[in-house]
Amino acid sequence: MVNLCRDEEYRRALLASEIAIADSGFMVLLWKFFTGERVPRISGLEYVKRLLEQESVRQPGAVLWIVPTADARAKALAFLRAGGIPVSDADLYLAPKYDTPVKDETLLGVVRQARPQHILIAVGGGTQDKLGLYLLEKLDYRPAIHCIGAAFGFLTGDQVRIPGWADRFYVGWLFRLLAQPRVFIPRFWSARMLPWLIWKYRDRLPPLA
């Protein structure tokens, strides 16, 4: 959310989304503190669990999974097959390292040929939103595009596993911090601006810096 003030491409992607869920427990608590209003929270982990229960996701060829690494791809294949979801090697796309602006003509060709009903992007916050908008602007049909970040990796084992109780009580971040402190200490530190942004702007869009 802090990057809404810093990254114009990311800002445009979020504003173009049809649905945004309140995944951040920190943001939900801040909103309650400053406004007195309760925002229903659905964590990314819970969202993915519910999504995998949907019949439209459990059909052959219905989903294209976009993952960040070869290891993540192998773990995703094993997890999906163990869960009874029919998936082939072609259903998992290994994303390259993206530059700015985010674009991927190879992926675009894959989607145009396969025409999946769902596209699940699990390449991390910031990039995945831009990739989702890129696809929507280039495709001649409207698949459901889900930007799920690391949440899928929590289930497959590609990311640190987060217990259900930790997710419910808003402390999943602590497990990620302990597992990868060099990654998450700077990321969490950058979020120090969030209380000020919510206090000042509430439901108004903050300006670009």
N, C-alpha and C. Protein backbone atom coordinates (compact mmCIF):
# COMPACT_ATOMS: atom_id res chain seq x y z
N MET A 1 0.82 -1.20 0.00
CA MET A 1 0.00 0.00 0.00
C MET A 1 0.86 1.26 0.00
N VAL A 2 1.99 1.20 0.69
CA VAL A 2 2.91 2.34 0.70
C VAL A 2 3.39 2.65 -0.71
N ASN A 3 3.57 1.61 -1.53
CA ASN A 3 4.07 1.80 -2.89
C ASN A 3 3.06 2.48 -3.81
N LEU A 4 1.82 2.65 -3.36
CA LEU A 4 0.86 3.42 -4.14
C LEU A 4 1.35 4.85 -4.36
N CYS A 5 2.19 5.34 -3.44
CA CYS A 5 2.73 6.70 -3.53
C CYS A 5 4.02 6.77 -4.32
N ARG A 6 4.62 5.61 -4.64
CA ARG A 6 5.97 5.61 -5.21
C ARG A 6 6.05 5.02 -6.61
N ASP A 7 5.14 4.12 -6.94
CA ASP A 7 5.26 3.32 -8.15
C ASP A 7 4.01 3.51 -9.00
N GLU A 8 4.15 4.30 -10.06
CA GLU A 8 2.98 4.64 -10.88
C GLU A 8 2.40 3.41 -11.59
N GLU A 9 3.26 2.51 -12.06
CA GLU A 9 2.78 1.30 -12.74
C GLU A 9 2.00 0.40 -11.78
N TYR A 10 2.50 0.26 -10.57
CA TYR A 10 1.81 -0.54 -9.54
C TYR A 10 0.48 0.11 -9.16
N ARG A 11 0.48 1.41 -9.02
CA ARG A 11 -0.73 2.16 -8.68
C ARG A 11 -1.81 1.95 -9.74
N ARG A 12 -1.41 2.03 -11.01
CA ARG A 12 -2.37 1.84 -12.09
C ARG A 12 -2.94 0.42 -12.09
N ALA A 13 -2.09 -0.55 -11.78
CA ALA A 13 -2.54 -1.94 -11.74
C ALA A 13 -3.57 -2.16 -10.64
N LEU A 14 -3.32 -1.60 -9.46
CA LEU A 14 -4.26 -1.78 -8.36
C LEU A 14 -5.58 -1.07 -8.61
N LEU A 15 -5.52 0.11 -9.21
CA LEU A 15 -6.75 0.84 -9.49
C LEU A 15 -7.58 0.16 -10.57
N ALA A 16 -6.93 -0.63 -11.42
CA ALA A 16 -7.65 -1.33 -12.49
C ALA A 16 -8.23 -2.67 -12.03
N SER A 17 -7.88 -3.11 -10.84
CA SER A 17 -8.38 -4.42 -10.37
C SER A 17 -9.87 -4.35 -10.07
N GLU A 18 -10.55 -5.46 -10.26
CA GLU A 18 -11.99 -5.51 -10.01
C GLU A 18 -12.30 -5.77 -8.54
N ILE A 19 -11.44 -6.54 -7.88
CA ILE A 19 -11.63 -6.86 -6.47
C ILE A 19 -10.28 -6.80 -5.77
N ALA A 20 -10.25 -6.16 -4.62
CA ALA A 20 -9.05 -6.16 -3.77
C ALA A 20 -9.47 -6.62 -2.38
N ILE A 21 -8.80 -7.65 -1.88
CA ILE A 21 -9.14 -8.15 -0.55
C ILE A 21 -8.20 -7.55 0.49
N ALA A 22 -8.70 -7.43 1.71
CA ALA A 22 -7.87 -6.93 2.82
C ALA A 22 -7.09 -8.10 3.39
N ASP A 23 -5.86 -8.26 2.92
CA ASP A 23 -5.02 -9.37 3.34
C ASP A 23 -4.19 -9.02 4.57
N SER A 24 -3.83 -7.75 4.71
CA SER A 24 -2.91 -7.32 5.75
C SER A 24 -3.61 -7.13 7.09
N GLY A 25 -3.23 -7.94 8.08
CA GLY A 25 -3.76 -7.76 9.42
C GLY A 25 -3.35 -6.43 10.01
N PHE A 26 -2.14 -5.98 9.70
CA PHE A 26 -1.65 -4.68 10.18
C PHE A 26 -2.54 -3.55 9.68
N MET A 27 -2.88 -3.59 8.38
CA MET A 27 -3.72 -2.55 7.81
C MET A 27 -5.11 -2.58 8.43
N VAL A 28 -5.67 -3.78 8.62
CA VAL A 28 -7.00 -3.90 9.21
C VAL A 28 -7.04 -3.32 10.62
N LEU A 29 -6.01 -3.60 11.41
CA LEU A 29 -5.94 -3.07 12.77
C LEU A 29 -5.78 -1.56 12.77
N LEU A 30 -4.96 -1.04 11.87
CA LEU A 30 -4.78 0.40 11.77
C LEU A 30 -6.08 1.09 11.37
N TRP A 31 -6.78 0.51 10.42
CA TRP A 31 -8.04 1.10 9.96
C TRP A 31 -9.06 1.14 11.11
N LYS A 32 -9.13 0.08 11.87
CA LYS A 32 -10.03 0.05 13.02
C LYS A 32 -9.64 1.11 14.05
N PHE A 33 -8.36 1.28 14.28
CA PHE A 33 -7.87 2.24 15.27
C PHE A 33 -8.17 3.68 14.86
N PHE A 34 -7.94 4.01 13.59
CA PHE A 34 -8.09 5.39 13.15
C PHE A 34 -9.52 5.77 12.79
N THR A 35 -10.32 4.80 12.33
CA THR A 35 -11.67 5.13 11.84
C THR A 35 -12.78 4.54 12.68
N GLY A 36 -12.47 3.53 13.48
CA GLY A 36 -13.51 2.84 14.24
C GLY A 36 -14.29 1.84 13.41
N GLU A 37 -13.94 1.70 12.12
CA GLU A 37 -14.64 0.79 11.22
C GLU A 37 -13.91 -0.54 11.12
N ARG A 38 -14.68 -1.60 11.03
CA ARG A 38 -14.10 -2.93 10.89
C ARG A 38 -14.08 -3.34 9.42
N VAL A 39 -12.91 -3.70 8.93
CA VAL A 39 -12.75 -4.19 7.56
C VAL A 39 -12.61 -5.71 7.62
N PRO A 40 -13.49 -6.47 6.95
CA PRO A 40 -13.34 -7.93 6.95
C PRO A 40 -12.01 -8.33 6.31
N ARG A 41 -11.26 -9.17 6.98
CA ARG A 41 -9.97 -9.60 6.46
C ARG A 41 -10.08 -11.01 5.89
N ILE A 42 -9.54 -11.18 4.70
CA ILE A 42 -9.36 -12.51 4.12
C ILE A 42 -7.88 -12.62 3.77
N SER A 43 -7.17 -13.46 4.46
CA SER A 43 -5.74 -13.60 4.19
C SER A 43 -5.53 -14.24 2.83
N GLY A 44 -4.35 -13.99 2.26
CA GLY A 44 -4.02 -14.64 0.99
C GLY A 44 -4.05 -16.15 1.11
N LEU A 45 -3.61 -16.67 2.26
CA LEU A 45 -3.62 -18.12 2.49
C LEU A 45 -5.04 -18.66 2.48
N GLU A 46 -5.95 -17.98 3.17
CA GLU A 46 -7.34 -18.43 3.22
C GLU A 46 -7.99 -18.32 1.84
N TYR A 47 -7.65 -17.27 1.12
CA TYR A 47 -8.20 -17.08 -0.22
C TYR A 47 -7.82 -18.23 -1.14
N VAL A 48 -6.55 -18.62 -1.11
CA VAL A 48 -6.10 -19.71 -1.97
C VAL A 48 -6.77 -21.03 -1.58
N LYS A 49 -6.91 -21.27 -0.29
CA LYS A 49 -7.57 -22.50 0.17
C LYS A 49 -8.99 -22.58 -0.36
N ARG A 50 -9.72 -21.48 -0.26
CA ARG A 50 -11.10 -21.45 -0.75
C ARG A 50 -11.15 -21.59 -2.27
N LEU A 51 -10.20 -20.95 -2.94
CA LEU A 51 -10.18 -21.02 -4.40
C LEU A 51 -9.97 -22.44 -4.88
N LEU A 52 -9.09 -23.17 -4.22
CA LEU A 52 -8.80 -24.55 -4.63
C LEU A 52 -9.98 -25.49 -4.42
N GLU A 53 -10.96 -25.06 -3.65
CA GLU A 53 -12.16 -25.86 -3.44
C GLU A 53 -13.18 -25.69 -4.57
N GLN A 54 -13.00 -24.67 -5.39
CA GLN A 54 -13.98 -24.36 -6.43
C GLN A 54 -13.90 -25.37 -7.57
N GLU A 55 -15.06 -25.80 -8.01
CA GLU A 55 -15.12 -26.81 -9.08
C GLU A 55 -14.48 -26.30 -10.37
N SER A 56 -14.62 -25.02 -10.64
CA SER A 56 -14.07 -24.47 -11.90
C SER A 56 -12.56 -24.48 -11.91
N VAL A 57 -11.93 -24.58 -10.74
CA VAL A 57 -10.48 -24.64 -10.65
C VAL A 57 -9.96 -26.07 -10.72
N ARG A 58 -10.84 -27.01 -10.51
CA ARG A 58 -10.43 -28.41 -10.42
C ARG A 58 -10.70 -29.19 -11.73
N GLN A 59 -10.82 -28.46 -12.83
CA GLN A 59 -11.05 -29.08 -14.13
C GLN A 59 -9.75 -29.10 -14.93
N PRO A 60 -9.52 -30.12 -15.76
CA PRO A 60 -8.30 -30.17 -16.57
C PRO A 60 -8.16 -28.94 -17.47
N GLY A 61 -7.00 -28.32 -17.42
CA GLY A 61 -6.72 -27.18 -18.29
C GLY A 61 -7.41 -25.89 -17.91
N ALA A 62 -8.10 -25.84 -16.76
CA ALA A 62 -8.86 -24.66 -16.39
C ALA A 62 -7.99 -23.54 -15.84
N VAL A 63 -6.79 -23.91 -15.35
CA VAL A 63 -5.96 -22.95 -14.65
C VAL A 63 -4.54 -22.94 -15.23
N LEU A 64 -4.00 -21.74 -15.38
CA LEU A 64 -2.58 -21.59 -15.66
C LEU A 64 -1.94 -21.01 -14.40
N TRP A 65 -0.97 -21.74 -13.85
CA TRP A 65 -0.29 -21.33 -12.63
C TRP A 65 1.03 -20.68 -13.02
N ILE A 66 1.28 -19.46 -12.56
CA ILE A 66 2.52 -18.75 -12.87
C ILE A 66 3.36 -18.71 -11.60
N VAL A 67 4.51 -19.35 -11.64
CA VAL A 67 5.34 -19.52 -10.44
C VAL A 67 6.74 -18.92 -10.68
N PRO A 68 7.46 -18.59 -9.59
CA PRO A 68 8.71 -17.83 -9.74
C PRO A 68 9.97 -18.63 -10.00
N THR A 69 10.02 -19.90 -9.57
CA THR A 69 11.27 -20.67 -9.68
C THR A 69 10.96 -22.10 -10.10
N ALA A 70 12.01 -22.79 -10.56
CA ALA A 70 11.84 -24.20 -10.94
C ALA A 70 11.48 -25.04 -9.72
N ASP A 71 12.05 -24.72 -8.57
CA ASP A 71 11.73 -25.46 -7.35
C ASP A 71 10.27 -25.23 -6.96
N ALA A 72 9.80 -24.01 -7.07
CA ALA A 72 8.40 -23.71 -6.78
C ALA A 72 7.48 -24.47 -7.73
N ARG A 73 7.91 -24.58 -8.97
CA ARG A 73 7.11 -25.29 -9.98
C ARG A 73 6.98 -26.77 -9.63
N ALA A 74 8.09 -27.40 -9.25
CA ALA A 74 8.08 -28.82 -8.90
C ALA A 74 7.20 -29.07 -7.66
N LYS A 75 7.31 -28.20 -6.67
CA LYS A 75 6.51 -28.36 -5.46
C LYS A 75 5.03 -28.13 -5.74
N ALA A 76 4.73 -27.18 -6.61
CA ALA A 76 3.33 -26.92 -6.96
C ALA A 76 2.72 -28.11 -7.68
N LEU A 77 3.47 -28.69 -8.63
CA LEU A 77 2.98 -29.88 -9.34
C LEU A 77 2.66 -31.01 -8.36
N ALA A 78 3.58 -31.27 -7.44
CA ALA A 78 3.39 -32.35 -6.47
C ALA A 78 2.18 -32.07 -5.57
N PHE A 79 2.04 -30.83 -5.12
CA PHE A 79 0.94 -30.46 -4.23
C PHE A 79 -0.41 -30.60 -4.93
N LEU A 80 -0.51 -30.08 -6.14
CA LEU A 80 -1.78 -30.12 -6.86
C LEU A 80 -2.20 -31.54 -7.19
N ARG A 81 -1.25 -32.36 -7.63
CA ARG A 81 -1.57 -33.74 -7.96
C ARG A 81 -1.95 -34.53 -6.73
N ALA A 82 -1.28 -34.25 -5.60
CA ALA A 82 -1.64 -34.94 -4.35
C ALA A 82 -3.03 -34.55 -3.89
N GLY A 83 -3.46 -33.33 -4.24
CA GLY A 83 -4.78 -32.86 -3.86
C GLY A 83 -5.86 -33.23 -4.84
N GLY A 84 -5.53 -34.03 -5.84
CA GLY A 84 -6.54 -34.49 -6.78
C GLY A 84 -6.91 -33.48 -7.84
N ILE A 85 -6.08 -32.45 -8.04
CA ILE A 85 -6.35 -31.46 -9.07
C ILE A 85 -5.59 -31.86 -10.33
N PRO A 86 -6.30 -32.13 -11.42
CA PRO A 86 -5.61 -32.57 -12.64
C PRO A 86 -4.77 -31.45 -13.23
N VAL A 87 -3.49 -31.66 -13.34
CA VAL A 87 -2.59 -30.62 -13.83
C VAL A 87 -1.47 -31.28 -14.62
N SER A 88 -1.11 -30.66 -15.73
CA SER A 88 0.01 -31.14 -16.55
C SER A 88 1.17 -30.19 -16.42
N ASP A 89 2.31 -30.59 -16.93
CA ASP A 89 3.50 -29.72 -16.90
C ASP A 89 3.22 -28.39 -17.60
N ALA A 90 2.42 -28.44 -18.67
CA ALA A 90 2.13 -27.23 -19.45
C ALA A 90 1.25 -26.25 -18.69
N ASP A 91 0.61 -26.70 -17.62
CA ASP A 91 -0.28 -25.82 -16.84
C ASP A 91 0.48 -24.94 -15.86
N LEU A 92 1.79 -25.16 -15.70
CA LEU A 92 2.60 -24.33 -14.80
C LEU A 92 3.66 -23.60 -15.61
N TYR A 93 3.61 -22.28 -15.54
CA TYR A 93 4.51 -21.42 -16.31
C TYR A 93 5.57 -20.85 -15.38
N LEU A 94 6.82 -21.03 -15.76
CA LEU A 94 7.93 -20.51 -14.97
C LEU A 94 8.22 -19.07 -15.41
N ALA A 95 7.94 -18.13 -14.53
CA ALA A 95 8.09 -16.72 -14.87
C ALA A 95 9.55 -16.32 -14.91
N PRO A 96 9.94 -15.47 -15.84
CA PRO A 96 11.30 -14.92 -15.85
C PRO A 96 11.41 -13.79 -14.83
N LYS A 97 12.59 -13.22 -14.70
CA LYS A 97 12.77 -12.01 -13.91
C LYS A 97 12.29 -10.82 -14.75
N TYR A 98 11.32 -10.10 -14.21
CA TYR A 98 10.70 -9.03 -15.00
C TYR A 98 11.39 -7.69 -14.79
N ASP A 99 11.50 -6.94 -15.88
CA ASP A 99 11.98 -5.57 -15.82
C ASP A 99 10.78 -4.64 -15.73
N THR A 100 11.05 -3.35 -15.81
CA THR A 100 10.00 -2.34 -15.83
C THR A 100 9.99 -1.65 -17.18
N PRO A 101 8.85 -1.54 -17.84
CA PRO A 101 7.54 -2.03 -17.43
C PRO A 101 7.44 -3.54 -17.55
N VAL A 102 6.56 -4.13 -16.78
CA VAL A 102 6.39 -5.59 -16.76
C VAL A 102 5.65 -6.03 -18.02
N LYS A 103 6.27 -6.97 -18.75
CA LYS A 103 5.62 -7.55 -19.92
C LYS A 103 6.23 -8.92 -20.18
N ASP A 104 5.49 -9.78 -20.86
CA ASP A 104 5.95 -11.15 -21.11
C ASP A 104 5.21 -11.69 -22.33
N GLU A 105 5.82 -11.53 -23.50
CA GLU A 105 5.17 -11.96 -24.73
C GLU A 105 5.07 -13.48 -24.82
N THR A 106 6.04 -14.18 -24.23
CA THR A 106 5.97 -15.64 -24.23
C THR A 106 4.76 -16.12 -23.45
N LEU A 107 4.57 -15.56 -22.27
CA LEU A 107 3.40 -15.90 -21.46
C LEU A 107 2.11 -15.53 -22.20
N LEU A 108 2.10 -14.40 -22.82
CA LEU A 108 0.93 -13.97 -23.57
C LEU A 108 0.56 -14.99 -24.64
N GLY A 109 1.56 -15.52 -25.33
CA GLY A 109 1.30 -16.55 -26.33
C GLY A 109 0.75 -17.82 -25.73
N VAL A 110 1.29 -18.22 -24.57
CA VAL A 110 0.80 -19.42 -23.89
C VAL A 110 -0.67 -19.26 -23.51
N VAL A 111 -1.03 -18.10 -22.96
CA VAL A 111 -2.41 -17.86 -22.53
C VAL A 111 -3.34 -17.81 -23.73
N ARG A 112 -2.91 -17.18 -24.80
CA ARG A 112 -3.76 -17.08 -25.99
C ARG A 112 -4.05 -18.45 -26.58
N GLN A 113 -3.07 -19.33 -26.50
CA GLN A 113 -3.26 -20.68 -27.06
C GLN A 113 -4.10 -21.56 -26.13
N ALA A 114 -3.81 -21.52 -24.82
CA ALA A 114 -4.50 -22.41 -23.88
C ALA A 114 -5.85 -21.87 -23.45
N ARG A 115 -6.00 -20.55 -23.40
CA ARG A 115 -7.23 -19.87 -22.98
C ARG A 115 -7.78 -20.45 -21.66
N PRO A 116 -6.99 -20.43 -20.60
CA PRO A 116 -7.47 -20.94 -19.32
C PRO A 116 -8.57 -20.06 -18.75
N GLN A 117 -9.42 -20.66 -17.95
CA GLN A 117 -10.48 -19.90 -17.30
C GLN A 117 -9.93 -19.06 -16.15
N HIS A 118 -8.89 -19.58 -15.49
CA HIS A 118 -8.26 -18.89 -14.38
C HIS A 118 -6.76 -18.77 -14.63
N ILE A 119 -6.17 -17.64 -14.23
CA ILE A 119 -4.73 -17.47 -14.22
C ILE A 119 -4.34 -17.09 -12.80
N LEU A 120 -3.52 -17.93 -12.16
CA LEU A 120 -3.08 -17.68 -10.79
C LEU A 120 -1.62 -17.25 -10.81
N ILE A 121 -1.37 -16.00 -10.43
CA ILE A 121 -0.04 -15.43 -10.47
C ILE A 121 0.55 -15.45 -9.07
N ALA A 122 1.63 -16.22 -8.90
CA ALA A 122 2.24 -16.39 -7.58
C ALA A 122 3.71 -15.96 -7.61
N VAL A 123 3.96 -14.76 -8.14
CA VAL A 123 5.34 -14.31 -8.29
C VAL A 123 5.70 -13.16 -7.36
N GLY A 124 4.86 -12.84 -6.40
CA GLY A 124 5.21 -11.82 -5.41
C GLY A 124 4.53 -10.50 -5.65
N GLY A 125 4.27 -9.80 -4.53
CA GLY A 125 3.58 -8.52 -4.58
C GLY A 125 4.36 -7.48 -5.36
N GLY A 126 3.63 -6.57 -5.98
CA GLY A 126 4.26 -5.52 -6.77
C GLY A 126 4.39 -5.91 -8.22
N THR A 127 5.06 -7.01 -8.50
CA THR A 127 5.23 -7.49 -9.87
C THR A 127 3.97 -8.17 -10.38
N GLN A 128 3.36 -9.01 -9.56
CA GLN A 128 2.22 -9.81 -10.02
C GLN A 128 1.05 -8.92 -10.45
N ASP A 129 0.83 -7.82 -9.77
CA ASP A 129 -0.27 -6.93 -10.11
C ASP A 129 -0.06 -6.31 -11.49
N LYS A 130 1.16 -5.92 -11.75
CA LYS A 130 1.49 -5.33 -13.05
C LYS A 130 1.36 -6.37 -14.17
N LEU A 131 1.77 -7.60 -13.88
CA LEU A 131 1.66 -8.66 -14.87
C LEU A 131 0.19 -8.97 -15.16
N GLY A 132 -0.63 -8.98 -14.12
CA GLY A 132 -2.05 -9.21 -14.31
C GLY A 132 -2.70 -8.16 -15.19
N LEU A 133 -2.36 -6.90 -14.98
CA LEU A 133 -2.92 -5.83 -15.81
C LEU A 133 -2.41 -5.94 -17.24
N TYR A 134 -1.14 -6.28 -17.40
CA TYR A 134 -0.58 -6.47 -18.74
C TYR A 134 -1.38 -7.52 -19.52
N LEU A 135 -1.69 -8.63 -18.88
CA LEU A 135 -2.45 -9.69 -19.54
C LEU A 135 -3.86 -9.22 -19.89
N LEU A 136 -4.52 -8.56 -18.95
CA LEU A 136 -5.89 -8.10 -19.21
C LEU A 136 -5.94 -7.12 -20.38
N GLU A 137 -4.93 -6.29 -20.50
CA GLU A 137 -4.93 -5.30 -21.58
C GLU A 137 -4.59 -5.91 -22.93
N LYS A 138 -3.91 -7.06 -22.94
CA LYS A 138 -3.47 -7.65 -24.20
C LYS A 138 -4.37 -8.79 -24.70
N LEU A 139 -5.11 -9.43 -23.80
CA LEU A 139 -5.91 -10.59 -24.19
C LEU A 139 -7.23 -10.18 -24.84
N ASP A 140 -7.75 -11.08 -25.68
CA ASP A 140 -9.03 -10.82 -26.34
C ASP A 140 -10.18 -11.54 -25.63
N TYR A 141 -9.94 -12.04 -24.43
CA TYR A 141 -11.00 -12.60 -23.60
C TYR A 141 -10.69 -12.27 -22.15
N ARG A 142 -11.61 -12.56 -21.23
CA ARG A 142 -11.46 -12.11 -19.84
C ARG A 142 -11.39 -13.30 -18.89
N PRO A 143 -10.20 -13.85 -18.68
CA PRO A 143 -10.06 -14.88 -17.65
C PRO A 143 -10.09 -14.24 -16.27
N ALA A 144 -10.32 -15.05 -15.25
CA ALA A 144 -10.18 -14.57 -13.87
C ALA A 144 -8.71 -14.61 -13.51
N ILE A 145 -8.15 -13.47 -13.19
CA ILE A 145 -6.73 -13.38 -12.86
C ILE A 145 -6.61 -13.13 -11.36
N HIS A 146 -5.94 -14.06 -10.67
CA HIS A 146 -5.81 -14.00 -9.21
C HIS A 146 -4.34 -13.73 -8.88
N CYS A 147 -4.06 -12.60 -8.24
CA CYS A 147 -2.71 -12.28 -7.80
C CYS A 147 -2.56 -12.75 -6.35
N ILE A 148 -1.93 -13.91 -6.17
CA ILE A 148 -1.94 -14.56 -4.85
C ILE A 148 -0.59 -14.53 -4.15
N GLY A 149 0.43 -13.98 -4.79
CA GLY A 149 1.72 -13.79 -4.13
C GLY A 149 2.30 -15.06 -3.55
N ALA A 150 2.78 -14.95 -2.32
CA ALA A 150 3.43 -16.08 -1.65
C ALA A 150 2.45 -17.07 -1.07
N ALA A 151 1.16 -16.75 -1.09
CA ALA A 151 0.17 -17.59 -0.40
C ALA A 151 0.16 -19.03 -0.90
N PHE A 152 0.32 -19.21 -2.20
CA PHE A 152 0.34 -20.56 -2.75
C PHE A 152 1.54 -21.33 -2.23
N GLY A 153 2.68 -20.64 -2.08
CA GLY A 153 3.89 -21.27 -1.56
C GLY A 153 3.76 -21.73 -0.12
N PHE A 154 2.88 -21.08 0.66
CA PHE A 154 2.63 -21.53 2.03
C PHE A 154 2.06 -22.94 2.04
N LEU A 155 1.25 -23.24 1.02
CA LEU A 155 0.62 -24.56 0.93
C LEU A 155 1.55 -25.61 0.32
N THR A 156 2.31 -25.22 -0.69
CA THR A 156 3.14 -26.19 -1.41
C THR A 156 4.44 -26.51 -0.68
N GLY A 157 4.84 -25.65 0.25
CA GLY A 157 6.12 -25.83 0.93
C GLY A 157 7.24 -25.01 0.33
N ASP A 158 6.93 -24.21 -0.70
CA ASP A 158 7.96 -23.35 -1.28
C ASP A 158 8.28 -22.18 -0.36
N GLN A 159 7.32 -21.77 0.46
CA GLN A 159 7.51 -20.76 1.49
C GLN A 159 7.37 -21.42 2.86
N VAL A 160 7.79 -20.71 3.89
CA VAL A 160 7.65 -21.23 5.25
C VAL A 160 6.17 -21.52 5.53
N ARG A 161 5.89 -22.64 6.14
CA ARG A 161 4.50 -22.98 6.44
C ARG A 161 4.00 -22.14 7.61
N ILE A 162 2.77 -21.63 7.47
CA ILE A 162 2.16 -20.81 8.50
C ILE A 162 0.99 -21.57 9.10
N PRO A 163 1.01 -21.85 10.41
CA PRO A 163 -0.11 -22.56 11.04
C PRO A 163 -1.41 -21.77 10.91
N GLY A 164 -2.52 -22.49 10.91
CA GLY A 164 -3.81 -21.84 10.79
C GLY A 164 -4.06 -20.82 11.88
N TRP A 165 -3.65 -21.13 13.12
CA TRP A 165 -3.89 -20.21 14.22
C TRP A 165 -3.11 -18.91 14.04
N ALA A 166 -1.88 -19.00 13.47
CA ALA A 166 -1.07 -17.81 13.26
C ALA A 166 -1.70 -16.92 12.19
N ASP A 167 -2.27 -17.53 11.17
CA ASP A 167 -2.94 -16.76 10.13
C ASP A 167 -4.18 -16.07 10.69
N ARG A 168 -4.94 -16.77 11.53
CA ARG A 168 -6.17 -16.19 12.10
C ARG A 168 -5.87 -15.04 13.04
N PHE A 169 -4.75 -15.11 13.77
CA PHE A 169 -4.44 -14.09 14.77
C PHE A 169 -3.43 -13.04 14.26
N TYR A 170 -3.28 -12.96 12.93
CA TYR A 170 -2.52 -11.88 12.30
C TYR A 170 -1.03 -11.94 12.59
N VAL A 171 -0.47 -13.10 12.87
CA VAL A 171 0.96 -13.17 13.16
C VAL A 171 1.71 -14.05 12.15
N GLY A 172 1.11 -14.28 11.00
CA GLY A 172 1.82 -15.02 9.97
C GLY A 172 3.11 -14.32 9.55
N TRP A 173 3.10 -12.98 9.63
CA TRP A 173 4.30 -12.21 9.27
C TRP A 173 5.51 -12.61 10.12
N LEU A 174 5.25 -13.02 11.37
CA LEU A 174 6.36 -13.36 12.26
C LEU A 174 7.08 -14.62 11.77
N PHE A 175 6.34 -15.59 11.26
CA PHE A 175 6.95 -16.81 10.73
C PHE A 175 7.80 -16.49 9.50
N ARG A 176 7.32 -15.59 8.66
CA ARG A 176 8.09 -15.20 7.48
C ARG A 176 9.34 -14.43 7.87
N LEU A 177 9.21 -13.59 8.87
CA LEU A 177 10.35 -12.82 9.35
C LEU A 177 11.45 -13.73 9.91
N LEU A 178 11.06 -14.70 10.70
CA LEU A 178 12.03 -15.62 11.29
C LEU A 178 12.70 -16.49 10.23
N ALA A 179 11.95 -16.83 9.19
CA ALA A 179 12.49 -17.69 8.13
C ALA A 179 13.43 -16.93 7.20
N GLN A 180 13.12 -15.66 6.91
CA GLN A 180 13.92 -14.88 5.96
C GLN A 180 14.12 -13.45 6.49
N PRO A 181 14.88 -13.28 7.55
CA PRO A 181 14.99 -11.94 8.14
C PRO A 181 15.61 -10.91 7.20
N ARG A 182 16.56 -11.30 6.36
CA ARG A 182 17.19 -10.34 5.47
C ARG A 182 16.22 -9.81 4.42
N VAL A 183 15.23 -10.61 4.08
CA VAL A 183 14.23 -10.18 3.11
C VAL A 183 13.16 -9.33 3.77
N PHE A 184 12.69 -9.76 4.93
CA PHE A 184 11.48 -9.15 5.49
C PHE A 184 11.73 -8.01 6.46
N ILE A 185 12.89 -7.92 7.06
CA ILE A 185 13.15 -6.75 7.92
C ILE A 185 13.09 -5.45 7.09
N PRO A 186 13.78 -5.36 5.95
CA PRO A 186 13.64 -4.13 5.15
C PRO A 186 12.21 -3.91 4.66
N ARG A 187 11.52 -4.99 4.30
CA ARG A 187 10.16 -4.84 3.79
C ARG A 187 9.23 -4.31 4.88
N PHE A 188 9.33 -4.87 6.07
CA PHE A 188 8.47 -4.42 7.16
C PHE A 188 8.85 -3.00 7.60
N TRP A 189 10.13 -2.68 7.52
CA TRP A 189 10.56 -1.34 7.89
C TRP A 189 9.93 -0.30 6.96
N SER A 190 9.84 -0.64 5.67
CA SER A 190 9.24 0.30 4.71
C SER A 190 7.77 0.55 5.01
N ALA A 191 7.12 -0.38 5.73
CA ALA A 191 5.70 -0.22 6.05
C ALA A 191 5.45 0.76 7.18
N ARG A 192 6.50 1.34 7.72
CA ARG A 192 6.33 2.27 8.83
C ARG A 192 5.53 3.51 8.43
N MET A 193 5.44 3.79 7.12
CA MET A 193 4.67 4.93 6.64
C MET A 193 3.17 4.67 6.61
N LEU A 194 2.79 3.40 6.71
CA LEU A 194 1.37 3.06 6.53
C LEU A 194 0.45 3.72 7.56
N PRO A 195 0.80 3.73 8.86
CA PRO A 195 -0.10 4.41 9.80
C PRO A 195 -0.36 5.87 9.44
N TRP A 196 0.68 6.57 9.02
CA TRP A 196 0.51 7.98 8.64
C TRP A 196 -0.38 8.11 7.42
N LEU A 197 -0.19 7.24 6.42
CA LEU A 197 -1.00 7.31 5.20
C LEU A 197 -2.48 7.06 5.50
N ILE A 198 -2.76 6.07 6.33
CA ILE A 198 -4.16 5.77 6.66
C ILE A 198 -4.76 6.90 7.48
N TRP A 199 -4.00 7.42 8.43
CA TRP A 199 -4.51 8.52 9.26
C TRP A 199 -4.82 9.76 8.42
N LYS A 200 -3.95 10.08 7.46
CA LYS A 200 -4.12 11.31 6.69
C LYS A 200 -5.16 11.18 5.58
N TYR A 201 -5.14 10.04 4.86
CA TYR A 201 -5.94 9.96 3.64
C TYR A 201 -7.20 9.09 3.78
N ARG A 202 -7.22 8.21 4.76
CA ARG A 202 -8.38 7.31 4.98
C ARG A 202 -8.75 6.62 3.65
N ASP A 203 -9.95 6.90 3.13
CA ASP A 203 -10.39 6.23 1.91
C ASP A 203 -10.09 7.03 0.64
N ARG A 204 -9.27 8.07 0.77
CA ARG A 204 -8.86 8.85 -0.40
C ARG A 204 -7.51 8.35 -0.93
N LEU A 205 -7.33 8.44 -2.22
CA LEU A 205 -6.09 7.98 -2.84
C LEU A 205 -4.97 8.98 -2.56
N PRO A 206 -3.86 8.52 -1.96
CA PRO A 206 -2.76 9.46 -1.73
C PRO A 206 -2.08 9.84 -3.04
N PRO A 207 -1.48 11.02 -3.10
CA PRO A 207 -0.83 11.45 -4.34
C PRO A 207 0.48 10.70 -4.56
N LEU A 208 0.90 10.68 -5.80
CA LEU A 208 2.22 10.12 -6.12
C LEU A 208 3.30 11.06 -5.60
N ALA A 209 4.34 10.46 -5.02
CA ALA A 209 5.45 11.29 -4.51
C ALA A 209 6.28 11.80 -5.67
